[in-house]
């Protein structure tokens, strides 16, 4: 009886492991740089954390949906996920700015103490109902009554 000898003709696991490691590094650097850009743009750590925490949640949910739909993670899905994360960051910034604008236009905000206002200088925004200065008691009474 002849013996069967098995040998490795080509080992692709080394290249796959290197690719996975470089993907981890690129993902970490991309998330860090995106967070820094958002921090520079918004100038407040609290709102930056909202957007930075939305990114991994969206990625995990997307991978979860890919798994249950039977799709694989390949170059096309990673490219689409990259575009979707960029759109998510952009839309998150727009939503946060509109929330702050709506809050500052409410008549109750003018009566808040200054330390309750958002941590960046959102008060300098000009809105139809609010001057860029710190509200005075006269302006508060005009806004609440009028």
C-alpha atoms as a PDB file:
ATOM      1  CA  UNK A   1       0.000   0.000   0.000  1.00  0.00           C
ATOM      2  CA  UNK A   2       1.295   3.449  -0.951  1.00  0.00           C
ATOM      3  CA  UNK A   3       1.442   6.267   1.562  1.00  0.00           C
ATOM      4  CA  UNK A   4      -0.060   9.644   0.900  1.00  0.00           C
ATOM      5  CA  UNK A   5       2.141  12.640   1.714  1.00  0.00           C
ATOM      6  CA  UNK A   6       0.506  16.028   2.121  1.00  0.00           C
ATOM      7  CA  UNK A   7       2.515  19.193   1.869  1.00  0.00           C
ATOM      8  CA  UNK A   8       1.655  22.864   1.723  1.00  0.00           C
ATOM      9  CA  UNK A   9       2.018  24.107  -1.810  1.00  0.00           C
ATOM     10  CA  UNK A  10       1.052  27.697  -1.152  1.00  0.00           C
ATOM     11  CA  UNK A  11       0.213  29.429   2.141  1.00  0.00           C
ATOM     12  CA  UNK A  12      -2.067  32.429   1.703  1.00  0.00           C
ATOM     13  CA  UNK A  13      -2.786  32.795   5.431  1.00  0.00           C
ATOM     14  CA  UNK A  14       0.265  35.021   5.924  1.00  0.00           C
ATOM     15  CA  UNK A  15      -1.013  37.574   3.410  1.00  0.00           C
ATOM     16  CA  UNK A  16      -4.533  37.443   4.849  1.00  0.00           C
ATOM     17  CA  UNK A  17      -3.229  38.012   8.384  1.00  0.00           C
ATOM     18  CA  UNK A  18      -1.136  40.975   7.209  1.00  0.00           C
ATOM     19  CA  UNK A  19      -4.137  42.377   5.375  1.00  0.00           C
ATOM     20  CA  UNK A  20      -6.323  42.040   8.471  1.00  0.00           C
ATOM     21  CA  UNK A  21      -3.702  43.752  10.639  1.00  0.00           C
ATOM     22  CA  UNK A  22      -3.322  46.644   8.208  1.00  0.00           C
ATOM     23  CA  UNK A  23      -7.135  46.935   8.045  1.00  0.00           C
ATOM     24  CA  UNK A  24      -7.288  47.243  11.847  1.00  0.00           C
ATOM     25  CA  UNK A  25      -4.640  49.975  11.821  1.00  0.00           C
ATOM     26  CA  UNK A  26      -6.327  51.856   8.978  1.00  0.00           C
ATOM     27  CA  UNK A  27      -9.716  51.631  10.709  1.00  0.00           C
ATOM     28  CA  UNK A  28      -8.310  52.970  13.963  1.00  0.00           C
ATOM     29  CA  UNK A  29      -6.485  55.818  12.255  1.00  0.00           C
ATOM     30  CA  UNK A  30      -9.534  56.684  10.155  1.00  0.00           C
ATOM     31  CA  UNK A  31     -11.802  56.821  13.217  1.00  0.00           C
ATOM     32  CA  UNK A  32      -9.247  58.906  15.112  1.00  0.00           C
ATOM     33  CA  UNK A  33      -8.794  61.382  12.269  1.00  0.00           C
ATOM     34  CA  UNK A  34     -12.552  61.637  11.666  1.00  0.00           C
ATOM     35  CA  UNK A  35     -13.063  62.346  15.365  1.00  0.00           C
ATOM     36  CA  UNK A  36     -10.359  65.021  15.328  1.00  0.00           C
ATOM     37  CA  UNK A  37     -11.858  66.714  12.270  1.00  0.00           C
ATOM     38  CA  UNK A  38     -15.296  66.739  13.893  1.00  0.00           C
ATOM     39  CA  UNK A  39     -13.767  68.106  17.118  1.00  0.00           C
ATOM     40  CA  UNK A  40     -12.037  70.905  15.210  1.00  0.00           C
ATOM     41  CA  UNK A  41     -15.250  71.708  13.343  1.00  0.00           C
ATOM     42  CA  UNK A  42     -17.644  71.643  16.319  1.00  0.00           C
ATOM     43  CA  UNK A  43     -15.180  72.882  18.962  1.00  0.00           C
ATOM     44  CA  UNK A  44     -16.920  70.962  21.740  1.00  0.00           C
ATOM     45  CA  UNK A  45     -16.060  67.558  23.136  1.00  0.00           C
ATOM     46  CA  UNK A  46     -19.601  66.681  24.174  1.00  0.00           C
ATOM     47  CA  UNK A  47     -21.060  66.887  20.671  1.00  0.00           C
ATOM     48  CA  UNK A  48     -18.005  65.253  19.140  1.00  0.00           C
ATOM     49  CA  UNK A  49     -18.581  62.236  21.391  1.00  0.00           C
ATOM     50  CA  UNK A  50     -22.138  61.906  20.092  1.00  0.00           C
ATOM     51  CA  UNK A  51     -20.899  61.678  16.519  1.00  0.00           C
ATOM     52  CA  UNK A  52     -17.871  59.496  17.304  1.00  0.00           C
ATOM     53  CA  UNK A  53     -20.078  57.033  19.201  1.00  0.00           C
ATOM     54  CA  UNK A  54     -22.542  56.919  16.311  1.00  0.00           C
ATOM     55  CA  UNK A  55     -19.842  55.592  13.958  1.00  0.00           C
ATOM     56  CA  UNK A  56     -19.125  52.192  15.578  1.00  0.00           C
ATOM     57  CA  UNK A  57     -22.808  51.658  16.293  1.00  0.00           C
ATOM     58  CA  UNK A  58     -23.620  52.217  12.614  1.00  0.00           C
ATOM     59  CA  UNK A  59     -20.767  49.958  11.486  1.00  0.00           C
ATOM     60  CA  UNK A  60     -21.813  47.140  13.830  1.00  0.00           C
ATOM     61  CA  UNK A  61     -25.436  47.421  12.736  1.00  0.00           C
ATOM     62  CA  UNK A  62     -24.382  47.358   9.072  1.00  0.00           C
ATOM     63  CA  UNK A  63     -22.255  44.250   9.573  1.00  0.00           C
ATOM     64  CA  UNK A  64     -25.131  42.674  11.507  1.00  0.00           C
ATOM     65  CA  UNK A  65     -27.491  43.345   8.580  1.00  0.00           C
ATOM     66  CA  UNK A  66     -24.934  42.041   6.061  1.00  0.00           C
ATOM     67  CA  UNK A  67     -24.616  38.805   8.035  1.00  0.00           C
ATOM     68  CA  UNK A  68     -28.349  38.149   8.220  1.00  0.00           C
ATOM     69  CA  UNK A  69     -28.885  38.993   4.555  1.00  0.00           C
ATOM     70  CA  UNK A  70     -26.190  36.498   3.608  1.00  0.00           C
ATOM     71  CA  UNK A  71     -23.842  39.070   2.082  1.00  0.00           C
ATOM     72  CA  UNK A  72     -20.095  38.981   2.505  1.00  0.00           C
ATOM     73  CA  UNK A  73     -17.682  41.733   3.410  1.00  0.00           C
ATOM     74  CA  UNK A  74     -15.757  42.449   0.232  1.00  0.00           C
ATOM     75  CA  UNK A  75     -14.343  45.490  -1.514  1.00  0.00           C
ATOM     76  CA  UNK A  76     -17.760  46.685  -2.710  1.00  0.00           C
ATOM     77  CA  UNK A  77     -19.430  46.444   0.701  1.00  0.00           C
ATOM     78  CA  UNK A  78     -16.456  48.105   2.415  1.00  0.00           C
ATOM     79  CA  UNK A  79     -16.544  50.925  -0.141  1.00  0.00           C
ATOM     80  CA  UNK A  80     -20.274  51.399   0.418  1.00  0.00           C
ATOM     81  CA  UNK A  81     -19.781  51.324   4.177  1.00  0.00           C
ATOM     82  CA  UNK A  82     -17.080  53.975   3.893  1.00  0.00           C
ATOM     83  CA  UNK A  83     -19.387  56.254   1.914  1.00  0.00           C
ATOM     84  CA  UNK A  84     -22.231  55.640   4.346  1.00  0.00           C
ATOM     85  CA  UNK A  85     -20.053  56.550   7.348  1.00  0.00           C
ATOM     86  CA  UNK A  86     -19.025  59.795   5.633  1.00  0.00           C
ATOM     87  CA  UNK A  87     -22.674  60.651   5.029  1.00  0.00           C
ATOM     88  CA  UNK A  88     -23.495  59.697   8.632  1.00  0.00           C
ATOM     89  CA  UNK A  89     -20.881  62.095  10.001  1.00  0.00           C
ATOM     90  CA  UNK A  90     -22.085  64.906   7.750  1.00  0.00           C
ATOM     91  CA  UNK A  91     -25.743  64.413   8.637  1.00  0.00           C
ATOM     92  CA  UNK A  92     -24.938  64.091  12.349  1.00  0.00           C
ATOM     93  CA  UNK A  93     -23.254  67.487  12.303  1.00  0.00           C
ATOM     94  CA  UNK A  94     -26.227  69.031  10.505  1.00  0.00           C
ATOM     95  CA  UNK A  95     -28.691  67.523  12.984  1.00  0.00           C
ATOM     96  CA  UNK A  96     -26.679  68.675  16.001  1.00  0.00           C
ATOM     97  CA  UNK A  97     -26.404  72.213  14.641  1.00  0.00           C
ATOM     98  CA  UNK A  98     -30.157  72.356  14.024  1.00  0.00           C
ATOM     99  CA  UNK A  99     -30.936  71.003  17.486  1.00  0.00           C
ATOM    100  CA  UNK A 100     -28.745  73.693  19.049  1.00  0.00           C
ATOM    101  CA  UNK A 101     -30.314  76.377  16.861  1.00  0.00           C
ATOM    102  CA  UNK A 102     -33.836  75.278  17.807  1.00  0.00           C
ATOM    103  CA  UNK A 103     -32.954  75.147  21.494  1.00  0.00           C
ATOM    104  CA  UNK A 104     -31.415  78.611  21.417  1.00  0.00           C
ATOM    105  CA  UNK A 105     -34.477  80.054  19.676  1.00  0.00           C
ATOM    106  CA  UNK A 106     -36.832  78.825  22.388  1.00  0.00           C
ATOM    107  CA  UNK A 107     -37.981  81.447  24.888  1.00  0.00           C
ATOM    108  CA  UNK A 108     -36.868  79.331  27.836  1.00  0.00           C
ATOM    109  CA  UNK A 109     -33.188  79.352  26.881  1.00  0.00           C
ATOM    110  CA  UNK A 110     -32.875  83.098  27.332  1.00  0.00           C
ATOM    111  CA  UNK A 111     -33.713  82.630  31.010  1.00  0.00           C
ATOM    112  CA  UNK A 112     -31.082  79.908  31.557  1.00  0.00           C
ATOM    113  CA  UNK A 113     -27.976  80.765  33.523  1.00  0.00           C
ATOM    114  CA  UNK A 114     -24.934  81.107  31.301  1.00  0.00           C
ATOM    115  CA  UNK A 115     -23.296  77.952  32.710  1.00  0.00           C
ATOM    116  CA  UNK A 116     -26.151  75.830  31.313  1.00  0.00           C
ATOM    117  CA  UNK A 117     -25.592  76.981  27.755  1.00  0.00           C
ATOM    118  CA  UNK A 118     -23.692  74.661  25.390  1.00  0.00           C
ATOM    119  CA  UNK A 119     -19.966  74.552  26.024  1.00  0.00           C
ATOM    120  CA  UNK A 120     -18.915  76.215  22.770  1.00  0.00           C
ATOM    121  CA  UNK A 121     -19.821  79.729  21.726  1.00  0.00           C
ATOM    122  CA  UNK A 122     -23.179  78.934  20.136  1.00  0.00           C
ATOM    123  CA  UNK A 123     -24.538  82.220  21.547  1.00  0.00           C
ATOM    124  CA  UNK A 124     -22.718  84.127  18.821  1.00  0.00           C
ATOM    125  CA  UNK A 125     -25.067  82.650  16.226  1.00  0.00           C
ATOM    126  CA  UNK A 126     -27.493  85.203  14.898  1.00  0.00           C
ATOM    127  CA  UNK A 127     -31.057  84.024  14.890  1.00  0.00           C
ATOM    128  CA  UNK A 128     -34.243  85.974  14.143  1.00  0.00           C
ATOM    129  CA  UNK A 129     -35.314  85.977  17.812  1.00  0.00           C
ATOM    130  CA  UNK A 130     -32.003  86.434  19.581  1.00  0.00           C
ATOM    131  CA  UNK A 131     -29.208  88.959  19.501  1.00  0.00           C
ATOM    132  CA  UNK A 132     -25.634  87.651  19.696  1.00  0.00           C
ATOM    133  CA  UNK A 133     -25.172  89.291  23.109  1.00  0.00           C
ATOM    134  CA  UNK A 134     -25.890  87.682  26.449  1.00  0.00           C
ATOM    135  CA  UNK A 135     -29.585  88.222  27.192  1.00  0.00           C
ATOM    136  CA  UNK A 136     -30.561  90.997  29.563  1.00  0.00           C
ATOM    137  CA  UNK A 137     -33.614  90.880  31.856  1.00  0.00           C
ATOM    138  CA  UNK A 138     -35.407  93.310  29.525  1.00  0.00           C
ATOM    139  CA  UNK A 139     -34.816  91.164  26.466  1.00  0.00           C
ATOM    140  CA  UNK A 140     -35.937  88.069  28.393  1.00  0.00           C
ATOM    141  CA  UNK A 141     -39.220  89.663  29.382  1.00  0.00           C
ATOM    142  CA  UNK A 142     -39.778  90.860  25.795  1.00  0.00           C
ATOM    143  CA  UNK A 143     -39.179  87.381  24.386  1.00  0.00           C
ATOM    144  CA  UNK A 144     -41.382  85.612  26.924  1.00  0.00           C
ATOM    145  CA  UNK A 145     -44.246  88.135  26.658  1.00  0.00           C
ATOM    146  CA  UNK A 146     -43.988  88.758  22.926  1.00  0.00           C
END
